[in-house]
Protein backbone atom coordinates (compact mmCIF):
# COMPACT_ATOMS: atom_id res chain seq x y z
CA MET A 1 -2.20 42.20 4.82
CA ASN A 2 0.94 42.21 6.01
CA SER A 3 3.71 41.75 2.91
CA LYS A 4 4.70 38.48 3.67
CA ALA A 5 0.77 37.34 3.10
CA VAL A 6 0.52 39.80 0.03
CA LEU A 7 3.80 38.28 -1.60
CA VAL A 8 1.54 34.93 -1.14
CA VAL A 9 -1.38 35.74 -2.23
CA LEU A 10 0.40 37.04 -5.23
CA ILE A 11 2.36 33.52 -5.87
CA PHE A 12 -0.67 31.71 -5.17
CA ALA A 13 -2.25 33.75 -8.14
CA ILE A 14 0.61 33.36 -10.67
CA VAL A 15 1.20 29.17 -10.31
CA GLN A 16 -2.64 29.71 -10.73
CA ALA A 17 -3.12 31.50 -14.13
CA TYR A 18 0.50 30.81 -15.46
CA ALA A 19 1.61 27.24 -14.59
CA LYS A 20 4.23 28.21 -17.17
CA GLU A 21 6.18 30.94 -14.93
CA PRO A 22 9.46 29.93 -12.60
CA PHE A 23 8.50 29.85 -8.45
CA SER A 24 9.58 29.28 -5.32
CA TYR A 25 7.99 28.66 -2.36
CA VAL A 26 9.27 28.26 1.08
CA ASN A 27 7.96 26.44 4.01
CA GLU A 28 6.97 28.61 6.49
CA GLY A 29 3.96 30.92 8.05
CA ASP A 30 0.95 30.11 9.38
CA MET A 31 -0.95 26.94 9.06
CA GLY A 32 -4.11 25.48 7.34
CA TYR A 33 -6.53 25.28 9.70
CA TYR A 34 -9.00 22.49 7.73
CA ILE A 35 -8.89 18.80 8.84
CA VAL A 36 -6.03 16.74 6.90
CA GLU A 37 -5.42 13.04 7.68
CA TYR A 38 -2.92 11.66 10.41
CA ASN A 39 -3.87 14.39 12.77
CA ALA A 40 -1.12 15.94 10.17
CA ASP A 41 -0.74 20.51 10.30
CA TYR A 42 0.25 21.54 7.12
CA ARG A 43 0.99 24.47 4.53
CA PRO A 44 -0.69 24.99 1.08
CA VAL A 45 1.50 24.82 -1.62
CA PRO A 46 0.33 27.97 -4.51
CA LEU A 47 -0.43 25.11 -6.46
CA ALA A 48 -4.14 23.11 -7.27
CA SER A 49 -6.16 21.75 -9.48
CA GLN A 50 -9.00 23.41 -11.33
CA PRO A 51 -11.75 23.51 -11.48
CA GLY A 52 -13.30 23.03 -7.77
CA ALA A 53 -9.71 22.39 -6.06
CA ILE A 54 -10.33 18.95 -5.26
CA PHE A 55 -6.50 18.45 -5.65
CA GLN A 56 -3.65 20.15 -3.82
CA MET A 57 -0.09 20.63 -3.10
CA LEU A 58 0.72 21.06 0.04
CA PHE A 59 3.21 20.26 3.17
CA PHE A 60 2.18 18.47 6.08
CA ASN A 61 3.72 16.96 9.24
CA THR A 62 2.69 14.38 11.33
CA THR A 63 5.52 15.38 14.30
CA PRO A 64 6.82 18.57 14.72
CA ASN A 65 9.35 20.02 11.87
CA ALA A 66 9.09 17.05 10.00
CA TYR A 67 7.19 17.83 6.43
CA THR A 68 6.22 16.02 3.56
CA LEU A 69 5.49 17.16 0.65
CA GLY A 70 2.30 15.82 -0.77
CA ILE A 71 -1.26 16.14 -2.69
CA ARG A 72 -4.23 16.41 -0.96
CA MET A 73 -7.50 14.87 -2.25
CA GLY A 74 -11.35 16.63 -0.75
CA ASN A 75 -12.63 20.03 -0.89
CA HIS A 76 -10.32 22.59 1.69
CA ASN A 77 -13.48 24.65 1.76
CA LYS A 78 -15.71 21.46 3.44
CA ALA A 79 -15.61 20.74 7.26
CA GLU A 80 -14.08 17.54 5.80
CA THR A 81 -11.03 15.53 6.36
CA MET A 82 -8.58 15.96 3.71
CA ARG A 83 -6.97 12.97 2.47
CA ILE A 84 -3.21 12.39 1.30
CA VAL A 85 -2.97 10.75 -2.15
CA TRP A 86 0.61 11.46 -3.21
CA THR A 87 4.41 12.08 -1.81
CA ALA A 88 6.91 13.24 -3.19
CA ASN A 89 9.90 12.71 -0.10
CA ARG A 90 7.88 10.14 2.01
CA ASN A 91 11.60 8.73 3.77
CA ARG A 92 12.83 12.18 4.15
CA PRO A 93 10.98 14.63 5.57
CA VAL A 94 12.17 18.50 5.51
CA PRO A 95 12.29 21.32 8.40
CA GLU A 96 10.70 24.94 8.57
CA ARG A 97 12.07 26.76 5.93
CA SER A 98 12.54 24.11 3.13
CA THR A 99 11.88 25.43 -0.27
CA LEU A 100 10.32 24.41 -3.66
CA ASN A 101 11.20 25.55 -5.71
CA PHE A 102 9.97 25.26 -9.59
CA THR A 103 13.04 26.74 -12.12
CA THR A 104 13.28 28.19 -15.57
CA ASP A 105 15.15 25.01 -17.08
CA GLY A 106 12.23 23.04 -16.11
CA ASN A 107 12.85 21.38 -13.28
CA LEU A 108 10.59 20.90 -10.26
CA ALA A 109 13.07 20.79 -6.82
CA LEU A 110 12.58 20.51 -3.48
CA PHE A 111 15.46 21.53 -1.30
CA HIS A 112 16.27 21.33 2.78
CA ALA A 113 16.70 24.55 4.32
CA ASP A 114 20.43 23.92 4.54
CA GLY A 115 20.22 24.17 1.09
CA SER A 116 20.62 20.43 0.19
CA LEU A 117 18.82 18.89 -2.30
CA VAL A 118 15.77 16.52 -1.31
CA TRP A 119 14.17 15.18 -4.37
CA SER A 120 13.63 16.38 -7.57
CA THR A 121 11.62 15.68 -11.17
CA ASN A 122 14.94 15.30 -13.19
CA THR A 123 13.75 17.25 -16.02
CA ALA A 124 16.08 20.16 -16.10
CA ASN A 125 16.64 21.35 -20.03
CA ARG A 126 14.03 18.57 -21.06
CA GLY A 127 12.08 20.58 -22.58
CA VAL A 128 9.39 21.76 -19.81
CA VAL A 129 7.28 24.61 -20.47
CA GLY A 130 5.11 24.19 -17.64
CA ILE A 131 4.25 22.28 -13.99
CA GLU A 132 0.00 21.65 -14.14
CA LEU A 133 -1.71 19.40 -11.56
CA ARG A 134 -4.73 18.03 -13.11
CA SER A 135 -8.29 17.69 -11.75
CA ASN A 136 -7.82 13.81 -11.91
CA GLY A 137 -4.73 14.71 -9.50
CA ASN A 138 -1.69 13.88 -11.37
CA LEU A 139 0.89 16.49 -11.12
CA VAL A 140 2.44 17.14 -14.95
CA LEU A 141 5.26 18.76 -16.39
CA TYR A 142 4.95 19.22 -20.14
CA ASP A 143 7.13 20.08 -23.06
CA ALA A 144 5.75 22.78 -26.25
CA GLN A 145 3.37 20.09 -26.99
CA ASN A 146 1.65 19.48 -23.78
CA LYS A 147 3.18 16.33 -23.61
CA SER A 148 3.94 14.65 -20.82
CA VAL A 149 7.67 15.03 -19.39
CA TRP A 150 7.32 14.03 -15.85
CA GLN A 151 3.88 12.95 -14.15
CA SER A 152 3.46 12.18 -10.51
CA PHE A 153 0.81 9.00 -11.96
CA ASP A 154 3.75 7.37 -12.89
CA HIS A 155 5.74 7.70 -9.39
CA PRO A 156 2.36 5.92 -7.14
CA THR A 157 4.04 5.66 -3.44
CA ASP A 158 0.40 3.89 -1.30
CA THR A 159 -1.95 4.67 -3.37
CA LEU A 160 -3.69 5.00 -7.32
CA LEU A 161 -5.42 7.41 -8.32
CA VAL A 162 -8.23 6.87 -10.98
CA GLY A 163 -6.51 6.28 -14.56
CA GLN A 164 -3.09 5.52 -12.15
CA SER A 165 -1.25 2.35 -13.02
CA LEU A 166 1.49 0.05 -11.57
CA LYS A 167 3.84 -0.84 -14.83
CA ALA A 168 6.43 -3.61 -15.66
CA GLY A 169 9.25 -1.29 -16.26
CA GLY A 170 8.01 1.53 -13.52
CA VAL A 171 7.12 1.32 -10.22
CA GLN A 172 5.03 -2.29 -10.12
CA LYS A 173 4.26 -2.20 -6.23
CA LEU A 174 2.90 -0.25 -3.29
CA ILE A 175 4.30 0.62 -0.13
CA SER A 176 2.70 1.63 3.12
CA ARG A 177 3.14 3.87 5.84
CA VAL A 178 4.80 2.57 8.71
CA SER A 179 2.08 4.31 10.37
CA GLU A 180 -0.38 6.98 11.14
CA ILE A 181 2.29 8.96 12.02
CA ASP A 182 5.50 7.69 10.33
CA GLY A 183 4.53 8.07 6.66
CA SER A 184 8.50 6.58 5.86
CA GLU A 185 7.94 3.43 3.97
CA GLY A 186 6.49 0.39 5.68
CA PRO A 187 6.76 -3.35 5.81
CA TYR A 188 3.28 -3.92 3.14
CA THR A 189 3.80 -4.02 -0.31
CA PHE A 190 0.88 -4.81 -3.29
CA ALA A 191 2.85 -5.70 -6.48
CA MET A 192 2.26 -7.02 -9.43
CA GLU A 193 2.89 -10.82 -10.17
CA ALA A 194 3.49 -13.16 -13.25
CA GLY A 195 -0.19 -14.34 -12.52
CA GLY A 196 -1.95 -10.60 -11.38
CA PHE A 197 -1.19 -8.83 -8.04
CA ALA A 198 -0.35 -9.60 -4.16
CA LEU A 199 -0.35 -8.58 -0.77
CA TYR A 200 2.85 -8.91 0.75
CA ALA A 201 3.92 -8.52 4.44
CA THR A 202 7.85 -7.90 5.74
CA LEU A 203 8.22 -9.62 8.78
CA PRO A 204 11.46 -9.55 8.47
CA ILE A 205 11.04 -11.10 4.72
CA PRO A 206 8.57 -10.34 2.19
CA LEU A 207 5.77 -13.18 2.42
CA PRO A 208 2.32 -12.97 1.03
CA TYR A 209 -0.75 -12.85 2.90
CA ASN A 210 -3.44 -12.12 0.00
CA SER A 211 -3.96 -12.71 -3.57
CA LEU A 212 -6.27 -10.43 -5.78
CA SER A 213 -5.56 -12.63 -9.00
CA TYR A 214 -6.15 -16.17 -9.59
CA TYR A 215 -5.36 -18.16 -6.87
CA ASP A 216 -7.11 -19.88 -4.56
CA ASN A 217 -9.93 -20.12 -7.26
CA GLN A 218 -10.87 -16.76 -7.33
CA ILE A 219 -11.90 -17.27 -10.94
CA LYS A 220 -15.31 -15.94 -10.31
CA ASP A 221 -14.46 -12.98 -9.17
CA LEU A 222 -12.72 -11.63 -12.55
CA TYR A 223 -14.93 -10.99 -15.64
CA SER A 224 -12.09 -12.85 -17.63
CA ILE A 225 -8.99 -14.30 -17.95
CA THR A 226 -5.99 -12.06 -17.94
CA HIS A 227 -2.79 -13.81 -18.21
CA THR A 228 -1.80 -16.34 -20.78
CA CYS A 229 1.09 -18.99 -19.13
CA LYS A 230 3.82 -17.16 -21.86
CA ARG A 231 3.08 -13.80 -21.57
CA PRO A 232 3.98 -11.00 -18.85
CA LEU A 233 1.35 -9.04 -16.92
CA ALA A 234 2.27 -5.13 -18.77
CA SER A 235 0.35 -3.27 -16.50
CA ILE A 236 -2.69 -2.59 -13.57
CA THR A 237 -4.83 0.30 -13.56
CA PHE A 238 -7.48 1.38 -11.53
CA LEU A 239 -10.57 2.31 -13.02
CA SER A 240 -14.03 4.15 -12.27
CA ASP A 241 -16.88 2.77 -14.48
CA PRO A 242 -18.81 6.53 -14.97
CA ASP A 243 -21.28 5.09 -18.18
CA ALA A 244 -22.28 1.63 -16.21
CA ASP A 245 -25.98 0.42 -16.67
CA ASN A 246 -25.62 -0.50 -13.37
CA GLY A 247 -24.63 1.38 -10.17
CA PHE A 248 -20.45 2.99 -10.85
CA PRO A 249 -17.97 -0.43 -10.88
CA LEU A 250 -14.69 0.40 -9.05
CA THR A 251 -12.36 -2.20 -11.15
CA MET A 252 -8.66 -3.32 -12.34
CA GLU A 253 -7.74 -3.65 -15.43
CA MET A 254 -5.07 -5.56 -16.49
CA ARG A 255 -2.95 -5.25 -19.59
CA LEU A 256 -0.38 -8.41 -20.90
CA ALA A 257 2.30 -7.75 -22.69
CA ASN A 258 3.25 -8.79 -26.63
CA SER A 259 6.48 -9.91 -25.93
CA THR A 260 6.73 -13.36 -23.93
CA ALA A 261 7.67 -13.29 -20.67
CA PRO A 262 10.66 -15.50 -19.37
CA PRO A 263 9.98 -19.15 -17.66
CA GLU A 264 10.55 -17.40 -14.16
CA MET A 265 7.40 -14.78 -15.12
CA ARG A 266 4.64 -17.54 -16.68
CA ALA A 267 2.29 -18.50 -14.45
CA SER A 268 1.67 -22.13 -15.98
CA TYR A 269 -1.33 -22.91 -14.07
CA LEU A 270 -3.12 -20.40 -16.06
CA CYS A 271 -2.69 -22.20 -18.76
CA ASN A 272 -5.89 -24.39 -18.24
CA PHE A 273 -7.82 -21.11 -18.14
CA THR A 274 -6.51 -18.94 -20.64
CA SER A 275 -5.71 -18.36 -24.61
CA ASP A 276 -3.15 -16.57 -26.31
CA GLN A 277 -5.97 -14.29 -27.57
CA THR A 278 -6.51 -12.67 -24.31
CA SER A 279 -4.87 -9.27 -23.71
CA THR A 280 -6.68 -7.63 -21.06
CA ALA A 281 -9.51 -7.91 -18.51
CA VAL A 282 -11.03 -6.50 -15.28
CA TYR A 283 -11.16 -7.64 -11.60
CA LEU A 284 -14.91 -5.99 -9.74
CA PHE A 285 -14.01 -4.51 -6.22
CA ALA A 286 -17.48 -2.77 -5.91
CA THR A 287 -20.16 -1.06 -7.56
CA PRO A 288 -21.51 1.28 -5.03
CA ARG A 289 -24.43 3.03 -6.09
CA PHE A 290 -23.25 6.70 -6.11
CA SER A 291 -20.00 7.87 -9.08
CA THR A 292 -16.88 7.43 -7.53
CA THR A 293 -14.89 9.15 -10.01
CA LEU A 294 -13.02 11.01 -7.17
CA SER A 295 -11.88 7.47 -6.16
CA PHE A 296 -8.23 6.03 -4.80
CA LEU A 297 -7.01 2.48 -3.87
CA ARG A 298 -4.91 2.60 -0.54
CA LEU A 299 -2.59 0.18 0.19
CA ASP A 300 -3.07 1.25 4.50
CA TRP A 301 -0.47 1.18 7.17
CA ASP A 302 -2.19 -1.94 8.71
CA GLY A 303 -2.00 -3.45 5.57
CA ASN A 304 -5.41 -3.60 4.72
CA LEU A 305 -6.08 -2.58 0.75
CA ARG A 306 -9.29 -0.14 0.72
CA MET A 307 -10.81 2.13 -1.95
CA TYR A 308 -11.88 5.24 -0.98
CA THR A 309 -14.46 7.75 -2.66
CA TYR A 310 -15.43 11.20 -2.86
CA SER A 311 -18.68 13.00 -2.85
CA PRO A 312 -18.20 16.86 -3.34
CA GLN A 313 -21.79 17.52 -4.02
CA ILE A 314 -21.90 16.87 -0.23
CA GLU A 315 -21.66 19.00 2.76
CA TYR A 316 -20.92 16.59 5.09
CA ASN A 317 -19.79 12.44 5.51
CA THR A 318 -18.10 13.38 1.82
CA TRP A 319 -15.85 10.26 2.61
CA ASP A 320 -16.59 6.95 1.84
CA ILE A 321 -14.90 3.35 2.17
CA THR A 322 -16.14 1.82 -0.40
CA TYR A 323 -14.54 -0.92 -0.82
CA GLU A 324 -12.26 -3.05 2.32
CA ARG A 325 -10.50 -6.41 2.04
CA PHE A 326 -10.03 -7.64 5.23
CA LYS A 327 -13.09 -6.54 6.25
CA TYR A 328 -14.54 -6.76 10.24
CA GLY A 329 -17.13 -10.07 9.51
CA GLY A 330 -15.76 -10.58 6.33
CA LEU A 331 -14.11 -13.53 4.20
CA TYR A 332 -10.40 -12.11 5.46
CA GLY A 333 -11.46 -11.02 8.64
CA CYS A 334 -8.38 -12.31 10.54
CA GLY A 335 -6.11 -12.22 7.09
CA LEU A 336 -3.88 -9.32 8.26
CA PRO A 337 -0.65 -10.51 9.86
CA LYS A 338 -1.18 -7.86 12.67
CA LYS A 339 -4.67 -8.47 13.19
CA CYS A 340 -3.44 -9.98 16.75
CA GLY A 341 -0.62 -7.51 17.47
CA SER A 342 2.50 -9.78 17.24
CA LEU A 343 0.52 -12.70 19.10
CA GLY A 344 -2.63 -14.13 18.80
CA ILE A 345 -5.35 -16.79 17.44
CA CYS A 346 -7.99 -15.14 15.25
CA GLY A 347 -11.43 -16.31 14.41
CA ASP A 348 -14.53 -15.38 13.05
CA SER A 349 -12.56 -11.59 12.81
CA GLN A 350 -11.20 -11.07 16.34
CA CYS A 351 -8.41 -11.74 18.40
CA VAL A 352 -9.97 -14.79 20.82
CA ALA A 353 -6.87 -15.96 22.47
CA CYS A 354 -3.13 -15.68 23.19
CA PRO A 355 -1.23 -19.10 22.94
CA LYS A 356 0.85 -19.45 25.75
CA PRO A 357 3.23 -22.58 26.74
CA GLN A 358 0.96 -23.29 29.71
CA GLY A 359 -1.81 -23.46 27.24
CA LEU A 360 -4.62 -20.78 25.17
CA GLN A 361 -5.61 -17.54 27.20
CA GLY A 362 -7.67 -14.52 27.04
CA TRP A 363 -6.33 -11.87 24.17
CA THR A 364 -5.50 -8.60 25.14
CA SER A 365 -2.88 -6.08 22.73
CA SER A 366 0.48 -7.24 25.98
CA CYS A 367 0.03 -10.87 23.83
CA SER A 368 3.66 -11.42 22.62
CA PRO A 369 5.71 -14.10 21.32
CA PRO A 370 8.37 -15.38 23.83
CA SER A 371 11.71 -13.79 23.39
CA LEU A 372 14.56 -15.66 22.70
CA PRO A 373 17.94 -16.30 23.14
CA ALA A 374 20.17 -14.21 20.63
CA CYS A 375 21.60 -16.27 17.69
CA ASN A 376 25.04 -16.52 19.04
CA SER A 377 23.95 -17.92 22.74
CA SER A 378 24.27 -21.85 23.17
CA SER A 379 23.72 -21.69 26.85
CA VAL A 380 19.67 -21.30 26.76
CA ALA A 381 18.06 -24.52 25.35
CA VAL A 382 14.94 -23.88 23.23
CA ASP A 383 11.99 -25.88 22.99
CA PHE A 384 8.62 -25.82 21.45
CA TYR A 385 4.99 -26.00 22.47
CA GLU A 386 1.58 -26.95 20.00
CA VAL A 387 -1.10 -25.53 19.19
CA VAL A 388 -3.74 -27.45 17.12
CA GLY A 389 -6.01 -25.99 14.37
CA VAL A 390 -4.40 -22.81 13.16
CA GLU A 391 -2.34 -21.41 10.27
CA HIS A 392 0.72 -19.19 9.46
CA PHE A 393 -0.59 -16.13 7.37
CA SER A 394 1.23 -17.20 5.05
CA SER A 395 0.51 -20.98 4.47
CA LYS A 396 -2.46 -20.41 1.74
CA TYR A 397 -0.38 -18.30 -0.29
CA VAL A 398 3.14 -20.17 -0.26
CA ALA A 399 4.52 -23.52 -0.90
CA GLY A 400 5.76 -25.06 2.15
CA ILE A 401 8.23 -28.02 2.65
CA GLU A 402 6.65 -31.14 1.07
CA LYS A 403 6.37 -34.91 1.98
CA ILE A 404 8.77 -34.15 5.27
CA ASN A 405 7.59 -35.92 8.88
CA VAL A 406 7.10 -33.38 11.91
CA GLY A 407 10.47 -35.18 13.41
CA GLU A 408 12.30 -32.62 10.62
CA CYS A 409 10.34 -29.98 10.15
CA LYS A 410 11.34 -29.42 13.73
CA ARG A 411 14.70 -30.54 13.66
CA ARG A 412 15.29 -27.96 10.64
CA CYS A 413 13.22 -25.31 13.10
CA LEU A 414 15.78 -25.99 15.92
CA SER A 415 18.67 -26.02 13.40
CA ASP A 416 17.82 -22.04 12.31
CA CYS A 417 18.38 -19.32 15.36
CA LYS A 418 16.31 -17.35 12.99
CA CYS A 419 13.36 -19.66 12.72
CA ALA A 420 10.73 -18.96 15.49
CA ALA A 421 7.95 -20.99 14.82
CA PHE A 422 6.98 -24.38 11.88
CA PHE A 423 4.02 -24.95 10.93
CA TYR A 424 2.46 -28.89 9.90
CA TRP A 425 -0.17 -29.79 7.62
CA GLN A 426 -0.57 -33.45 9.12
CA GLU A 427 -3.04 -34.41 5.84
CA SER A 428 -0.66 -33.59 3.38
CA SER A 429 3.05 -33.92 5.12
CA LYS A 430 3.68 -30.31 4.41
CA CYS A 431 6.26 -27.89 6.81
CA PHE A 432 6.30 -24.42 7.06
CA LEU A 433 9.40 -22.47 8.95
CA ARG A 434 8.60 -19.14 10.20
CA GLN A 435 11.08 -16.43 11.66
CA THR A 436 7.53 -14.67 13.40
CA VAL A 437 4.29 -15.29 14.27
CA GLU A 438 2.05 -12.85 14.26
CA THR A 439 -1.32 -13.66 13.71
CA LEU A 440 -2.60 -17.05 13.97
CA GLN A 441 -5.47 -17.88 11.69
CA GLN A 442 -8.39 -20.14 12.73
CA SER A 443 -8.28 -23.38 10.62
CA GLY A 444 -11.05 -25.39 11.53
CA ASN A 445 -8.85 -28.56 11.07
CA SER A 446 -7.31 -30.12 13.61
CA THR A 447 -4.71 -31.64 11.71
CA HIS A 448 -2.71 -28.37 10.75
CA LEU A 449 -0.46 -27.58 14.12
CA ALA A 450 1.74 -24.76 15.17
CA PHE A 451 4.71 -24.76 16.84
CA ILE A 452 6.51 -22.20 18.98
CA LYS A 453 9.46 -22.21 19.83
CA TYR A 454 10.51 -20.84 23.61
CA PRO A 455 13.08 -20.91 25.70
CA LYS A 456 12.81 -23.58 28.37
CA ASN A 457 13.60 -23.16 32.18
CA VAL A 458 13.14 -19.61 31.89
């Protein structure tokens, strides 16, 4: 064994056994040889949870020489995929020979190879005496009373582990990756709201594409109601119940704040369903028949909300997707904004047509909306072609323009160069203006119309 290998092993032993000791780890040397999701290369950082090392810190990269510091979940002695459940520097990857330091003043910091600071816990001189990656996946810097000074559970990225929360006054949303290759912040968010929590797509402005609380008569999905018309949501926590009598429920516990919410944060439509005595409730996602203690909820890069459960006692196929919001054949099978790419009609969880000015054509991945002239161009005339019986992915979750005729709706879209389409519900005279089209959902209602803008005579 060479001197570098001996040093790495020695540091590993020190950090494992003596979390109070400072350390410095340089991102260099051989790569790990187990499987990590996103087809990433990785180097383990000598800081792992106990017992069994289900969680471990690592540097990983999906593109050459661009590393992210993170925490993986999964036993590295198994021939199974290890999954990334937290990242420190997702928007600022670092190259080879970057350094992770835990210093004598109690700070954990990531430095670029050129010596510049990339990320830090900002805990210098705040009484930190040690660092620990705990068995629940929480990276904790603690003081002499073993109280947390900083913890990764307060800084979620795209994932919530069991026991982790989104909180008022803290991080209130999860943000997806851009893609499997690009781990920086993507277009999808899972966010706390006055009436619960919802999913948003920023394409290019934030629009909701699903909600998981009280909208659309989904009250039947709740054990009880969490929100009053006056009190704001204080936190939502991802939980697994190991002591349930029937299966192992994966749930989201929602707690109300003791304070009164400002008017803009009230959900007045809930007043008929709640009382001032209501303080907590549980939203049930799934009830697998096997233990779900080692689970996490993630907003994936495609905008889907999934729950993954790890079973370390099994030698192969140790991961299960125990919940999927937009499941093929399910209630929301056509709900993902980009289910059919930048343009397409979705029905029964499948992309069934590509709407063009000439009519409906067979859908392929090359289906795309018309290229519109730039906003400062006045030389190209535009018009609209109609698609019957479809809806925009956001139409069910946002208020449209009420009591307006289709001609006025068209005029407003024509006068806005950023408007790529408008949607009109004839039975309620409601208008929706949209900057992108994306996936059109079959509505089964011929009075729900889409009008897609296109350049004439091109």
